[in-house]
Amino acid sequence: MIKLSYEREDVYNLNFTKLDLPEITLSKAKQTHLLTHLLLYRGVILSKYAEEHEIEISSIKVFVQHLIQLLVIRGYYRKDKFNVSAVFKHPEIKLGRLSVVRKNILGLLAYNKKIKKSGLSKIIEISIEEMEENLKFLISKGLFIGRIKNNEIIPDWIWKPPGKATITTEDTFIVGICMMLRNAEVSKVVKHTNFSKEEVIERIARLMLYRKLDAKFDIESRLIGFPKVVEVIKKHSLYEIEKEKNQPLSVEEKILFYADKRVIGNKIVSLKERFEDLNKRYNRDFGKEYEFVKKIERELLK
């Protein structure tokens, strides 16, 4: 995701009274809805929108002209449509409680340059209409900057929660299994971890939202992929772990490395149990390796 600076303003409460333009006749609620529509779809089909919302086309045009004069947007008319060519001012960030669905949407969009509307609605298991309404809410709260074009969601900026994300043992187990399966089908991750599909997606989306995990969802094939998975897998062994070149450095490397040391078969166990098993199996002392893994544990779970 390209990091850009976006100008913020309380665009839903602008002062239009000083403009030498026809008076706005739309109610406050309809102004808010229309502006959000313009920000998400980067345009509006005048006759269709007017009919759906029982307003005059002339009222839409007057409101759009006010937005242009106050340098909120810029655009042009082509036949029955107004197209937004640029957005200069975006809604202020207004935090509040976010539902799990909205957090999942933000998380899944955080590392994806574009994603199909139908695909995102399938993975989250809500209708396309519900998904679009959630995007409108996120735009209005300043948490999502982006657009829908050709049935694809194209994010330009996604809000990142303040503070640090706590990575739990369950998180590391789920992500570790995903990485071990390379491109992992969600159904297989569910089978291997015994977590529900909803919990698998929620945990991965949460880590993506906090920018702790660079993962991509191939929605059509229901795969969770990790762009650097080959390099990551190279660093999950304990062999010559004292050498810096063999040590995990990135978050993904550390998660997979740690997850591998918390599993015997399909069972989550403590580090102590895992290393007791290694000591017995190989008839040697893995004390130094155990201390190294404890260090990784403290870094991930702090």
Protein backbone atom coordinates (compact mmCIF):
# COMPACT_ATOMS: atom_id res chain seq x y z
CA MET A 1 0.00 0.00 0.00
CA ILE A 2 1.48 3.36 -1.07
CA LYS A 3 1.65 5.78 1.82
CA LEU A 4 0.31 9.18 0.83
CA SER A 5 -0.77 12.24 2.76
CA TYR A 6 -4.47 13.05 2.49
CA GLU A 7 -5.97 16.38 3.51
CA ARG A 8 -8.67 15.95 6.13
CA GLU A 9 -11.61 18.20 6.87
CA ASP A 10 -15.05 17.91 8.38
CA VAL A 11 -16.51 17.62 4.88
CA TYR A 12 -19.93 16.63 6.19
CA ASN A 13 -20.34 19.93 8.02
CA LEU A 14 -19.02 22.51 5.59
CA ASN A 15 -20.14 26.13 5.64
CA PHE A 16 -21.87 26.76 2.31
CA THR A 17 -23.49 30.07 3.29
CA LYS A 18 -20.68 32.30 2.01
CA LEU A 19 -20.79 30.92 -1.52
CA ASP A 20 -22.53 32.96 -4.21
CA LEU A 21 -24.44 29.96 -5.49
CA PRO A 22 -28.06 28.75 -5.47
CA GLU A 23 -29.17 27.50 -2.07
CA ILE A 24 -28.79 23.80 -1.30
CA THR A 25 -32.21 22.18 -0.93
CA LEU A 26 -31.05 18.71 0.12
CA SER A 27 -31.47 17.72 3.75
CA LYS A 28 -28.36 17.16 5.86
CA ALA A 29 -28.82 13.39 5.68
CA LYS A 30 -29.13 13.43 1.90
CA GLN A 31 -26.05 15.66 1.58
CA THR A 32 -24.08 13.15 3.66
CA HIS A 33 -25.32 10.21 1.62
CA LEU A 34 -24.57 11.88 -1.72
CA LEU A 35 -21.07 12.97 -0.72
CA THR A 36 -20.23 9.48 0.54
CA HIS A 37 -21.59 8.03 -2.70
CA LEU A 38 -19.34 10.37 -4.70
CA LEU A 39 -16.29 9.44 -2.63
CA LEU A 40 -16.87 5.70 -2.98
CA TYR A 41 -18.05 5.42 -6.58
CA ARG A 42 -16.25 8.54 -7.85
CA GLY A 43 -19.35 9.59 -9.69
CA VAL A 44 -23.12 9.55 -9.74
CA ILE A 45 -25.66 8.68 -12.44
CA LEU A 46 -27.98 11.63 -12.03
CA SER A 47 -31.35 10.24 -13.16
CA LYS A 48 -30.90 6.93 -11.33
CA TYR A 49 -29.78 8.53 -8.06
CA ALA A 50 -32.53 11.16 -8.22
CA GLU A 51 -35.21 8.51 -8.74
CA GLU A 52 -33.89 6.18 -6.01
CA HIS A 53 -33.69 8.97 -3.43
CA GLU A 54 -36.70 11.01 -4.57
CA ILE A 55 -34.82 14.22 -5.20
CA GLU A 56 -34.47 16.57 -8.16
CA ILE A 57 -31.49 16.30 -10.51
CA SER A 58 -31.08 20.06 -10.17
CA SER A 59 -30.65 19.62 -6.38
CA ILE A 60 -27.83 17.14 -6.98
CA LYS A 61 -26.10 19.53 -9.37
CA VAL A 62 -26.35 22.44 -6.93
CA PHE A 63 -24.80 20.41 -4.11
CA VAL A 64 -22.03 19.14 -6.41
CA GLN A 65 -21.23 22.71 -7.46
CA HIS A 66 -20.87 23.73 -3.81
CA LEU A 67 -18.44 20.84 -3.23
CA ILE A 68 -16.39 21.93 -6.24
CA GLN A 69 -16.30 25.56 -5.09
CA LEU A 70 -15.06 24.53 -1.64
CA LEU A 71 -12.35 22.37 -3.25
CA VAL A 72 -13.64 19.10 -1.86
CA ILE A 73 -13.81 17.44 -5.25
CA ARG A 74 -13.27 18.19 -8.90
CA GLY A 75 -15.07 16.59 -11.81
CA TYR A 76 -17.06 16.89 -14.99
CA TYR A 77 -20.43 15.99 -16.50
CA ARG A 78 -20.80 13.49 -19.30
CA LYS A 79 -24.36 12.96 -20.45
CA ASP A 80 -26.33 11.69 -17.42
CA LYS A 81 -23.36 11.22 -15.14
CA PHE A 82 -21.11 13.39 -12.99
CA ASN A 83 -17.60 11.93 -12.78
CA VAL A 84 -15.26 12.76 -9.90
CA SER A 85 -11.78 13.27 -11.33
CA ALA A 86 -10.07 14.24 -8.07
CA VAL A 87 -10.75 14.35 -4.33
CA PHE A 88 -8.93 17.10 -2.44
CA LYS A 89 -10.45 16.77 1.01
CA HIS A 90 -11.37 13.59 2.83
CA PRO A 91 -13.50 13.04 5.95
CA GLU A 92 -11.85 13.48 9.31
CA ILE A 93 -10.95 10.32 11.19
CA LYS A 94 -13.62 9.70 13.80
CA LEU A 95 -12.98 6.59 15.81
CA GLY A 96 -15.65 4.61 17.54
CA ARG A 97 -16.55 0.99 18.03
CA LEU A 98 -16.01 -1.08 14.90
CA SER A 99 -17.87 -4.31 14.28
CA VAL A 100 -15.92 -7.47 13.50
CA VAL A 101 -17.18 -7.30 9.90
CA ARG A 102 -15.82 -3.78 9.42
CA LYS A 103 -12.48 -4.68 10.97
CA ASN A 104 -12.28 -7.70 8.68
CA ILE A 105 -13.00 -5.56 5.63
CA LEU A 106 -10.26 -3.10 6.56
CA GLY A 107 -7.80 -5.86 7.35
CA LEU A 108 -8.38 -7.79 4.14
CA LEU A 109 -7.99 -4.59 2.10
CA ALA A 110 -4.83 -3.46 3.90
CA TYR A 111 -2.41 -5.38 1.68
CA ASN A 112 -4.53 -5.77 -1.46
CA LYS A 113 -4.22 -3.23 -4.26
CA LYS A 114 -7.63 -4.27 -5.51
CA ILE A 115 -10.16 -6.98 -4.77
CA LYS A 116 -13.46 -7.96 -6.39
CA LYS A 117 -16.61 -6.86 -4.60
CA SER A 118 -18.15 -10.28 -5.02
CA GLY A 119 -15.01 -11.94 -3.69
CA LEU A 120 -14.80 -9.86 -0.55
CA SER A 121 -18.47 -10.38 0.19
CA LYS A 122 -18.00 -14.17 -0.20
CA ILE A 123 -15.03 -14.44 2.14
CA ILE A 124 -16.75 -12.34 4.82
CA GLU A 125 -20.10 -13.98 4.05
CA ILE A 126 -22.24 -10.88 3.67
CA SER A 127 -24.15 -9.63 0.65
CA ILE A 128 -22.54 -7.20 -1.79
CA GLU A 129 -25.10 -4.59 -0.73
CA GLU A 130 -24.15 -5.00 2.96
CA MET A 131 -20.47 -4.86 2.07
CA GLU A 132 -20.94 -1.59 0.15
CA GLU A 133 -22.89 -0.08 3.03
CA ASN A 134 -20.04 -0.98 5.36
CA LEU A 135 -17.56 0.68 3.01
CA LYS A 136 -19.68 3.83 3.01
CA PHE A 137 -19.62 3.84 6.81
CA LEU A 138 -15.84 3.43 6.83
CA ILE A 139 -15.46 6.29 4.34
CA SER A 140 -17.69 8.55 6.43
CA LYS A 141 -15.52 7.85 9.49
CA GLY A 142 -12.32 8.57 7.58
CA LEU A 143 -11.06 5.00 7.99
CA PHE A 144 -11.06 4.05 4.31
CA ILE A 145 -10.01 6.06 1.28
CA GLY A 146 -10.62 4.32 -2.00
CA ARG A 147 -13.18 3.65 -4.68
CA ILE A 148 -15.22 1.01 -6.41
CA LYS A 149 -14.48 0.71 -10.12
CA ASN A 150 -15.50 -2.05 -12.54
CA ASN A 151 -16.85 -4.12 -9.64
CA GLU A 152 -13.49 -3.99 -7.86
CA ILE A 153 -12.60 -2.26 -4.60
CA ILE A 154 -9.44 -0.21 -5.02
CA PRO A 155 -8.07 1.03 -1.67
CA ASP A 156 -5.76 4.05 -1.60
CA TRP A 157 -5.38 4.23 2.17
CA ILE A 158 -6.50 2.06 5.08
CA TRP A 159 -6.58 3.18 8.71
CA LYS A 160 -4.17 1.47 11.07
CA PRO A 161 -5.25 1.13 14.71
CA PRO A 162 -3.09 2.96 17.24
CA GLY A 163 -0.87 0.98 19.58
CA LYS A 164 0.60 -2.46 19.15
CA ALA A 165 -1.23 -5.62 18.26
CA THR A 166 -0.92 -8.48 20.68
CA ILE A 167 -0.09 -11.68 18.81
CA THR A 168 -1.57 -14.62 20.68
CA THR A 169 -0.55 -18.27 20.68
CA GLU A 170 -3.66 -19.03 18.63
CA ASP A 171 -2.66 -16.37 16.07
CA THR A 172 0.78 -17.88 15.63
CA PHE A 173 -0.68 -21.37 15.28
CA ILE A 174 -3.19 -20.36 12.60
CA VAL A 175 -0.70 -18.26 10.62
CA GLY A 176 1.97 -20.90 11.00
CA ILE A 177 -0.34 -23.57 9.56
CA CYS A 178 -1.25 -21.23 6.67
CA MET A 179 2.42 -20.74 5.88
CA MET A 180 3.27 -24.41 6.13
CA LEU A 181 0.51 -25.14 3.64
CA ARG A 182 2.03 -22.49 1.36
CA ASN A 183 -1.10 -21.32 -0.48
CA ALA A 184 -3.64 -22.53 2.04
CA GLU A 185 -7.30 -23.22 1.37
CA VAL A 186 -9.36 -21.72 4.17
CA SER A 187 -11.20 -25.02 4.58
CA LYS A 188 -7.90 -26.86 5.09
CA VAL A 189 -6.71 -24.33 7.66
CA VAL A 190 -9.98 -24.87 9.53
CA LYS A 191 -9.46 -28.63 9.40
CA HIS A 192 -5.84 -28.48 10.61
CA THR A 193 -6.43 -25.93 13.38
CA ASN A 194 -9.95 -26.83 14.59
CA PHE A 195 -10.82 -23.14 14.54
CA SER A 196 -13.95 -21.97 12.72
CA LYS A 197 -13.64 -20.31 9.33
CA GLU A 198 -14.87 -17.05 10.87
CA GLU A 199 -12.17 -17.12 13.53
CA VAL A 200 -9.41 -17.96 11.04
CA ILE A 201 -10.35 -15.01 8.84
CA GLU A 202 -10.89 -12.68 11.80
CA ARG A 203 -7.46 -13.42 13.29
CA ILE A 204 -5.60 -13.08 9.99
CA ALA A 205 -7.52 -9.91 9.05
CA ARG A 206 -6.69 -8.41 12.45
CA LEU A 207 -2.96 -8.98 11.99
CA MET A 208 -3.18 -7.54 8.48
CA LEU A 209 -5.00 -4.47 9.79
CA TYR A 210 -2.19 -3.88 12.29
CA ARG A 211 0.31 -4.40 9.43
CA LYS A 212 1.77 -7.39 11.25
CA LEU A 213 1.19 -9.76 8.38
CA ASP A 214 1.69 -9.41 4.63
CA ALA A 215 -0.91 -11.84 3.31
CA LYS A 216 -3.17 -11.95 0.29
CA PHE A 217 -6.51 -13.67 -0.19
CA ASP A 218 -7.21 -15.25 -3.56
CA ILE A 219 -10.95 -15.10 -3.14
CA GLU A 220 -11.99 -17.20 -6.13
CA SER A 221 -9.93 -20.21 -5.03
CA ARG A 222 -10.32 -19.38 -1.33
CA LEU A 223 -6.58 -19.39 -0.78
CA ILE A 224 -4.56 -17.47 1.79
CA GLY A 225 -1.20 -16.69 0.27
CA PHE A 226 1.99 -15.16 1.63
CA PRO A 227 4.18 -13.39 -0.97
CA LYS A 228 7.42 -14.23 0.83
CA VAL A 229 6.46 -17.70 2.01
CA VAL A 230 9.40 -19.49 0.34
CA GLU A 231 11.94 -17.26 2.08
CA VAL A 232 9.99 -17.50 5.34
CA ILE A 233 9.91 -21.31 5.35
CA LYS A 234 13.68 -21.44 4.95
CA LYS A 235 14.01 -19.98 8.44
CA HIS A 236 11.86 -22.24 10.59
CA SER A 237 14.51 -24.85 11.36
CA LEU A 238 16.58 -25.08 14.57
CA TYR A 239 19.64 -26.19 12.58
CA GLU A 240 22.63 -23.95 13.42
CA ILE A 241 20.25 -21.36 14.83
CA GLU A 242 23.21 -19.60 16.46
CA LYS A 243 24.22 -18.36 12.99
CA GLU A 244 22.60 -15.05 12.14
CA LYS A 245 21.81 -16.11 8.55
CA ASN A 246 19.54 -18.88 9.92
CA GLN A 247 17.65 -16.70 12.38
CA PRO A 248 14.14 -15.37 11.68
CA LEU A 249 14.04 -11.58 11.27
CA SER A 250 10.69 -10.52 9.83
CA VAL A 251 7.38 -10.88 11.70
CA GLU A 252 6.30 -13.59 9.24
CA GLU A 253 9.53 -15.52 9.79
CA LYS A 254 9.20 -15.27 13.56
CA ILE A 255 5.54 -16.34 13.53
CA LEU A 256 6.22 -19.44 11.44
CA PHE A 257 9.35 -20.27 13.44
CA TYR A 258 7.48 -19.95 16.74
CA ALA A 259 4.32 -21.72 15.53
CA ASP A 260 6.39 -24.71 14.44
CA LYS A 261 7.78 -24.99 17.97
CA ARG A 262 4.31 -24.96 19.55
CA VAL A 263 2.90 -27.93 17.66
CA ILE A 264 3.19 -31.70 17.93
CA GLY A 265 1.13 -33.15 15.10
CA ASN A 266 -2.10 -31.11 15.08
CA LYS A 267 -1.97 -30.35 18.79
CA ILE A 268 -0.91 -27.02 20.33
CA VAL A 269 1.54 -27.66 23.16
CA SER A 270 3.75 -25.55 25.39
CA LEU A 271 7.35 -24.85 24.42
CA LYS A 272 8.44 -27.00 27.33
CA GLU A 273 6.44 -29.98 26.03
CA ARG A 274 7.71 -29.47 22.48
CA PHE A 275 11.36 -29.39 23.55
CA GLU A 276 10.95 -32.32 25.90
CA ASP A 277 9.67 -34.23 22.87
CA LEU A 278 12.68 -33.08 20.81
CA ASN A 279 15.13 -34.04 23.56
CA LYS A 280 13.68 -37.56 23.73
CA ARG A 281 13.36 -37.99 19.98
CA TYR A 282 16.89 -36.94 19.12
CA ASN A 283 18.52 -37.89 22.44
CA ARG A 284 20.27 -34.56 22.84
CA ASP A 285 19.97 -31.31 24.80
CA PHE A 286 18.21 -28.49 22.96
CA GLY A 287 18.72 -26.04 25.85
CA LYS A 288 20.30 -23.24 23.77
CA GLU A 289 17.67 -23.59 21.08
CA TYR A 290 14.94 -23.49 23.74
CA GLU A 291 16.25 -20.19 25.11
CA PHE A 292 16.37 -18.74 21.60
CA VAL A 293 12.73 -19.71 20.97
CA LYS A 294 11.72 -18.24 24.36
CA LYS A 295 13.28 -14.97 23.20
CA ILE A 296 11.17 -15.05 20.02
CA GLU A 297 8.11 -15.85 22.14
CA ARG A 298 8.69 -12.77 24.31
CA GLU A 299 9.02 -10.58 21.21
CA LEU A 300 5.81 -11.88 19.61
CA LEU A 301 3.58 -12.16 22.65
CA LYS A 302 4.62 -9.06 24.55
